[in-house]
Protein backbone atom coordinates (compact mmCIF):
# COMPACT_ATOMS: atom_id res chain seq x y z
CA MET A 1 16.67 27.03 2.33
CA ALA A 2 17.10 23.29 1.91
CA SER A 3 18.30 22.15 -1.52
CA SER A 4 16.25 19.75 -3.59
CA GLU A 5 18.90 17.05 -2.93
CA GLN A 6 18.56 17.54 0.87
CA VAL A 7 14.74 17.38 0.73
CA ARG A 8 14.98 14.17 -1.33
CA ALA A 9 17.52 12.63 1.05
CA LEU A 10 15.40 13.64 4.08
CA LEU A 11 12.21 11.96 2.69
CA LYS A 12 14.18 8.90 1.59
CA SER A 13 15.74 8.37 4.99
CA HIS A 14 12.28 8.79 6.58
CA LEU A 15 10.69 6.20 4.28
CA THR A 16 13.51 3.67 4.83
CA GLY A 17 13.52 4.26 8.59
CA ASP A 18 17.19 5.37 8.59
CA ASP A 19 16.93 7.67 11.63
CA GLU A 20 20.65 8.50 11.84
CA HIS A 21 20.75 9.65 8.20
CA PHE A 22 17.64 11.65 8.78
CA VAL A 23 19.30 13.54 11.62
CA SER A 24 22.43 14.04 9.54
CA VAL A 25 20.51 15.61 6.66
CA ALA A 26 18.56 17.78 9.12
CA LEU A 27 21.90 19.07 10.53
CA GLN A 28 23.09 19.83 6.97
CA ILE A 29 19.94 21.89 6.41
CA ALA A 30 20.57 23.69 9.71
CA ALA A 31 24.11 24.51 8.62
CA SER A 32 22.88 25.85 5.28
CA ALA A 33 20.39 28.06 7.10
CA ALA A 34 23.18 29.44 9.39
CA ARG A 35 25.34 30.24 6.32
CA ASN A 36 22.38 32.12 4.72
CA GLY A 37 22.04 34.22 7.91
CA ASP A 38 18.90 32.56 9.34
CA GLY A 39 20.28 31.83 12.79
CA LYS A 40 16.85 31.32 14.38
CA LEU A 41 15.84 28.61 11.94
CA ALA A 42 19.27 26.97 12.27
CA LYS A 43 19.03 26.81 16.06
CA GLU A 44 15.47 25.39 15.87
CA LEU A 45 16.56 22.73 13.45
CA ARG A 46 19.69 21.76 15.61
CA ASP A 47 17.52 21.60 18.72
CA LEU A 48 15.02 19.32 16.96
CA ALA A 49 17.80 17.12 15.63
CA ASP A 50 19.32 16.84 19.18
CA ARG A 51 15.96 15.74 20.47
CA ILE A 52 15.67 13.04 17.85
CA LYS A 53 19.26 11.78 18.54
CA THR A 54 18.39 11.57 22.24
CA GLN A 55 15.22 9.53 21.48
CA ILE A 56 17.23 7.26 19.16
CA GLN A 57 19.75 6.58 21.88
CA ASN A 58 17.10 5.95 24.46
CA GLY A 59 15.13 3.65 22.06
CA SER A 60 12.03 5.88 22.62
CA LEU A 61 11.72 7.29 19.05
CA PRO A 62 8.13 6.61 17.85
CA LYS A 63 7.97 4.58 14.73
CA ALA A 64 6.71 6.36 11.67
CA VAL A 65 3.19 5.50 10.64
CA PRO A 66 3.41 3.87 7.22
CA ILE A 67 0.70 3.96 4.64
CA THR A 68 0.24 0.26 4.97
CA LYS A 69 -2.07 -2.65 4.28
CA PRO A 70 -2.09 -5.79 6.43
CA THR A 71 -0.48 -8.74 4.64
CA GLY A 72 -0.03 -12.44 5.35
CA GLN A 73 -2.07 -13.75 8.29
CA LEU A 74 -2.88 -10.17 9.38
CA ALA A 75 -4.77 -9.60 6.12
CA GLY A 76 -7.65 -11.72 7.42
CA LEU A 77 -7.45 -10.22 10.92
CA LEU A 78 -7.28 -6.51 10.31
CA SER A 79 -8.80 -4.09 7.82
CA VAL A 80 -7.34 -0.57 7.53
CA HIS A 81 -8.38 2.81 6.38
CA TYR A 82 -7.28 6.36 6.97
CA PRO A 83 -10.25 8.47 8.27
CA GLN A 84 -10.67 12.20 7.88
CA THR A 85 -13.37 12.35 10.59
CA ARG A 86 -12.90 14.90 13.45
CA LEU A 87 -14.36 15.05 17.00
CA ALA A 88 -16.07 18.34 16.16
CA GLU A 89 -18.36 16.40 13.77
CA MET A 90 -19.73 14.28 16.58
CA VAL A 91 -22.78 15.27 18.57
CA LEU A 92 -22.15 13.89 22.15
CA SER A 93 -22.73 14.91 25.73
CA GLY A 94 -20.34 17.56 27.13
CA ASP A 95 -18.66 15.01 29.43
CA THR A 96 -18.05 12.41 26.69
CA HIS A 97 -16.69 15.05 24.29
CA ASP A 98 -14.40 16.48 26.99
CA LEU A 99 -13.08 13.02 27.79
CA LEU A 100 -12.34 12.29 24.15
CA LYS A 101 -10.62 15.61 23.75
CA ASN A 102 -8.45 14.80 26.76
CA VAL A 103 -7.53 11.43 25.24
CA LYS A 104 -6.38 13.34 22.09
CA LEU A 105 -4.37 15.88 24.05
CA GLU A 106 -2.70 13.27 26.28
CA TYR A 107 -1.63 11.16 23.26
CA ARG A 108 -0.13 14.20 21.58
CA ALA A 109 1.74 15.07 24.77
CA ALA A 110 2.88 11.51 25.56
CA ASP A 111 6.55 12.41 25.65
CA ARG A 112 5.94 15.24 28.06
CA LEU A 113 3.82 13.07 30.33
CA GLN A 114 6.37 10.29 30.30
CA GLN A 115 9.05 12.63 31.41
CA HIS A 116 7.10 12.99 34.67
CA GLY A 117 6.41 9.28 35.01
CA LEU A 118 2.87 9.55 33.66
CA SER A 119 1.20 7.65 30.83
CA PRO A 120 -1.47 8.84 28.37
CA ARG A 121 -4.83 7.11 28.22
CA ARG A 122 -4.51 4.68 25.33
CA LYS A 123 -6.80 1.75 26.18
CA LEU A 124 -10.43 2.72 26.13
CA LEU A 125 -13.68 0.66 26.54
CA LEU A 126 -16.67 2.22 24.72
CA VAL A 127 -20.11 1.19 25.92
CA GLY A 128 -23.61 2.11 25.03
CA PRO A 129 -26.58 1.33 22.61
CA PRO A 130 -26.00 0.70 18.97
CA GLY A 131 -25.70 3.73 16.66
CA CYS A 132 -24.62 6.19 19.36
CA GLY A 133 -21.09 7.01 18.20
CA LYS A 134 -18.76 4.24 19.29
CA THR A 135 -17.53 3.34 15.84
CA MET A 136 -17.42 6.99 14.81
CA THR A 137 -15.23 7.68 17.83
CA ALA A 138 -12.57 5.27 16.61
CA SER A 139 -12.63 7.10 13.21
CA ALA A 140 -12.61 10.57 14.88
CA LEU A 141 -9.60 9.71 17.07
CA ALA A 142 -7.66 8.21 14.11
CA GLY A 143 -8.51 11.27 12.06
CA GLU A 144 -7.50 13.78 14.77
CA LEU A 145 -4.18 11.99 15.41
CA LYS A 146 -3.50 11.28 11.73
CA LEU A 147 -3.23 7.56 12.45
CA PRO A 148 -4.48 4.62 10.48
CA LEU A 149 -7.60 2.88 11.81
CA PHE A 150 -7.18 -0.92 12.13
CA SER A 151 -10.51 -2.70 12.62
CA VAL A 152 -10.16 -6.22 14.08
CA GLN A 153 -12.17 -8.76 12.01
CA LEU A 154 -13.73 -10.99 14.57
CA HIS A 155 -14.90 -13.49 11.94
CA GLY A 156 -11.18 -14.06 11.06
CA LEU A 157 -10.03 -13.94 14.66
CA ILE A 158 -12.36 -16.45 16.24
CA THR A 159 -12.08 -20.04 15.06
CA LYS A 160 -13.26 -23.41 16.22
CA TYR A 161 -9.75 -24.80 16.71
CA MET A 162 -8.31 -24.79 20.16
CA GLY A 163 -5.50 -22.35 20.68
CA GLU A 164 -5.63 -20.86 17.20
CA THR A 165 -7.75 -17.83 18.20
CA ALA A 166 -5.36 -16.91 21.01
CA ALA A 167 -2.43 -17.23 18.52
CA LYS A 168 -4.15 -14.88 16.06
CA LEU A 169 -4.89 -12.43 18.88
CA HIS A 170 -1.20 -12.44 19.69
CA LEU A 171 -0.47 -11.41 16.08
CA VAL A 172 -2.87 -8.47 16.43
CA PHE A 173 -1.07 -7.27 19.62
CA GLN A 174 2.29 -7.65 17.89
CA ALA A 175 1.02 -5.47 15.11
CA MET A 176 0.19 -2.73 17.58
CA THR A 177 3.91 -2.54 18.49
CA GLU A 178 5.13 -2.69 14.88
CA THR A 179 2.63 -0.20 13.36
CA ARG A 180 1.31 2.66 15.33
CA GLY A 181 -2.35 3.25 14.82
CA VAL A 182 -5.85 3.07 16.32
CA TYR A 183 -6.87 -0.57 16.87
CA PHE A 184 -10.61 -1.16 17.15
CA PHE A 185 -12.33 -4.20 18.56
CA ASP A 186 -16.05 -3.85 17.72
CA GLU A 187 -18.70 -6.16 19.30
CA PHE A 188 -16.11 -6.82 21.94
CA ASP A 189 -18.49 -8.95 24.03
CA ALA A 190 -17.73 -11.76 21.55
CA ILE A 191 -14.46 -12.26 23.33
CA GLY A 192 -14.92 -10.26 26.50
CA ALA A 193 -17.96 -12.12 27.94
CA GLU A 194 -17.92 -12.92 31.56
CA ARG A 195 -15.98 -16.09 32.25
CA GLY A 196 -18.56 -17.55 34.56
CA ALA A 197 -21.42 -17.18 32.06
CA GLY A 198 -23.68 -20.27 31.65
CA ASN A 199 -23.06 -20.49 27.88
CA ASP A 200 -19.31 -20.14 28.29
CA VAL A 201 -17.01 -22.59 26.61
CA GLY A 202 -13.45 -23.41 27.37
CA GLU A 203 -11.92 -21.93 24.20
CA ILE A 204 -13.56 -18.52 24.64
CA ARG A 205 -12.57 -18.47 28.25
CA ARG A 206 -8.90 -19.09 27.17
CA VAL A 207 -9.21 -16.33 24.54
CA LEU A 208 -10.46 -13.84 27.18
CA ASN A 209 -7.59 -14.85 29.50
CA SER A 210 -5.11 -14.28 26.66
CA PHE A 211 -6.66 -10.92 25.84
CA LEU A 212 -6.42 -9.77 29.48
CA GLN A 213 -2.76 -10.86 29.56
CA PHE A 214 -1.88 -9.21 26.22
CA LEU A 215 -3.65 -5.98 27.20
CA GLU A 216 -1.90 -5.81 30.50
CA GLN A 217 1.56 -6.36 28.99
CA GLU A 218 1.00 -4.19 25.99
CA GLU A 219 3.32 -1.12 25.89
CA SER A 220 3.07 0.12 22.31
CA ASP A 221 2.37 3.69 21.09
CA SER A 222 -1.02 2.58 19.62
CA LEU A 223 -4.49 3.39 20.80
CA ILE A 224 -6.69 0.39 21.67
CA LEU A 225 -10.43 0.76 21.57
CA ALA A 226 -12.99 -1.90 22.35
CA ALA A 227 -16.78 -1.30 21.86
CA THR A 228 -19.76 -3.21 23.12
CA ASN A 229 -23.53 -2.78 23.31
CA HIS A 230 -23.74 -5.23 26.18
CA ILE A 231 -21.72 -3.94 29.04
CA THR A 232 -23.40 -6.37 31.55
CA MET A 233 -21.95 -9.34 29.60
CA LEU A 234 -18.30 -8.21 30.11
CA ASP A 235 -16.02 -9.85 32.56
CA ASP A 236 -15.25 -7.68 35.61
CA ALA A 237 -11.42 -8.05 35.16
CA LEU A 238 -11.65 -6.13 31.88
CA PHE A 239 -12.59 -2.89 33.56
CA ARG A 240 -9.28 -2.91 35.50
CA ARG A 241 -7.26 -3.36 32.33
CA PHE A 242 -8.72 -0.37 30.38
CA ASP A 243 -7.50 3.13 31.14
CA ASP A 244 -11.02 4.51 30.95
CA VAL A 245 -14.65 3.50 30.16
CA ILE A 246 -16.62 5.89 27.94
CA GLN A 247 -20.36 5.73 28.02
CA TYR A 248 -22.61 6.61 25.04
CA LEU A 249 -26.26 7.42 25.46
CA LEU A 250 -29.25 8.06 23.16
CA PRO A 251 -29.39 11.69 22.09
CA THR A 252 -31.18 14.26 24.17
CA GLU A 253 -33.62 16.80 22.68
CA SER A 254 -30.92 19.38 22.21
CA GLN A 255 -28.54 16.84 20.62
CA PHE A 256 -31.32 15.72 18.34
CA LYS A 257 -31.82 19.28 17.12
CA GLN A 258 -28.07 19.71 16.52
CA LEU A 259 -27.88 16.38 14.63
CA VAL A 260 -30.65 17.40 12.29
CA GLN A 261 -29.21 20.89 11.74
CA ASN A 262 -25.80 19.43 11.02
CA ARG A 263 -27.24 16.77 8.61
CA LEU A 264 -29.78 19.02 6.83
CA THR A 265 -28.05 22.38 6.98
CA ARG A 266 -28.66 22.97 3.24
CA PHE A 267 -32.15 21.58 3.09
CA LEU A 268 -34.10 22.73 6.16
CA GLY A 269 -36.76 25.45 5.70
CA LYS A 270 -37.10 28.57 7.93
CA ARG A 271 -39.73 27.06 10.14
CA THR A 272 -39.19 23.62 11.69
CA GLY A 273 -41.50 22.01 14.24
CA TRP A 274 -38.84 20.79 16.62
CA LYS A 275 -41.28 19.76 19.38
CA SER A 276 -43.33 17.49 17.14
CA LEU A 277 -40.13 16.06 15.58
CA TRP A 278 -38.65 15.26 18.98
CA LYS A 279 -41.80 13.49 20.03
CA THR A 280 -41.30 11.13 17.09
CA ALA A 281 -37.50 10.79 17.42
CA LYS A 282 -37.18 10.27 21.10
CA GLY A 283 -35.50 6.92 21.69
CA LEU A 284 -33.90 6.65 18.23
CA SER A 285 -30.11 6.46 18.06
CA HIS A 286 -27.81 9.02 16.44
CA ALA A 287 -27.41 6.71 13.47
CA GLU A 288 -31.14 6.25 12.95
CA ILE A 289 -31.78 9.96 13.17
CA CYS A 290 -29.02 10.62 10.58
CA ARG A 291 -30.54 7.97 8.25
CA ALA A 292 -33.95 9.59 8.59
CA CYS A 293 -32.40 12.95 7.68
CA ASP A 294 -30.77 11.39 4.59
CA ASP A 295 -34.13 9.83 3.59
CA ALA A 296 -35.91 13.18 3.86
CA ALA A 297 -33.15 14.96 1.99
CA LYS A 298 -33.26 12.40 -0.90
CA SER A 299 -37.04 12.79 -1.12
CA HIS A 300 -36.66 16.53 -1.23
CA VAL A 301 -34.16 16.37 -4.09
CA LEU A 302 -36.20 13.84 -6.11
CA GLN A 303 -39.49 15.60 -5.65
CA GLU A 304 -37.85 19.03 -6.13
CA THR A 305 -39.57 20.58 -3.13
CA GLU A 306 -38.61 23.95 -1.76
CA SER A 307 -37.08 22.48 1.38
CA VAL A 308 -37.26 19.57 3.71
CA SER A 309 -40.54 20.14 5.61
CA THR A 310 -41.34 19.15 9.17
CA SER A 311 -43.94 16.67 7.94
CA ALA A 312 -41.42 15.05 5.51
CA LEU A 313 -38.81 14.63 8.27
CA ASN A 314 -41.45 13.34 10.61
CA LEU A 315 -42.47 10.72 8.13
CA ALA A 316 -38.84 9.64 7.71
CA LEU A 317 -38.40 9.40 11.45
CA GLN A 318 -41.58 7.36 11.78
CA HIS A 319 -40.33 4.92 9.08
CA ARG A 320 -37.10 4.43 11.13
CA ARG A 321 -39.06 3.89 14.33
CA LYS A 322 -41.29 1.21 12.68
CA LYS A 323 -38.10 -0.58 11.50
CA LEU A 324 -36.85 -0.69 15.10
CA ASP A 325 -40.24 -1.81 16.44
CA LEU A 326 -40.24 -4.71 13.88
CA LYS A 327 -36.72 -5.70 14.88
CA ALA A 328 -37.69 -5.63 18.61
CA ALA A 329 -40.86 -7.70 17.89
CA SER A 330 -38.81 -10.34 15.97
CA ARG A 331 -36.68 -10.95 19.13
CA LYS A 332 -39.67 -11.80 21.34
């Protein structure tokens, strides 16, 4: 077994980024295991240490993910948190779920893929209606891969001064190399709009050109996700720069049922009128359905009813639909 001093030294070398000392301590622990008669553990530790030494020599050792908070100029460009969300919590089509699962598997096996001249999918464009899982996907991938989630703050990124936005964008891409994580550009059409659009201005066109250049040259170990509700607004050149485009759709009837069951598992009664509920819910997003479930659950708790009834949930869904109808009417 490793001594307390060896464990302390191992953690300290990891925190300070002293890779060579880390390997040295690991080999000491391997030697201790061998002396104590645990030859199998000693061999495993030596093999792992040799792999780390090889990666150090090749310059391919991934940087540790620090528990960090953006500082300086990055403080206004990135917000960070450490999600616990998992892909299993998401209700998606089978194709979308399989694609995200493959992204996770490829990222975890990046070294093995690179040994065969292959690269994992790291640059993803997420498209679809609001509230259908794009933002949750960023959290789920970060949670699955135990990476920090950096959300790009567009209000801090886009300025009225010529050249300043591109310079800030460059800082964000530099951060991707320095700190491994999931970097999420929400409402991406703000910078990814088609360059020939009638309302286009020179500065935004230059920002898009810079983004395309940075994305093409980017070779970090980070995941880059961009999300938009308006795929038709995006410039065609963007689709060639992303490794994959993932489409999100409004929930189907079976997905609606799964969403409600997941959200109200403790509150639903034995008899639920799924057909009538679906008639009301059809066309609502995942997020709106979840909010309706929460509304019905709160009403159940406050009124101390036996369970969430079909009529109570129907009422909550109708309320959500009215809000959407009012929003749509205000745009006309």
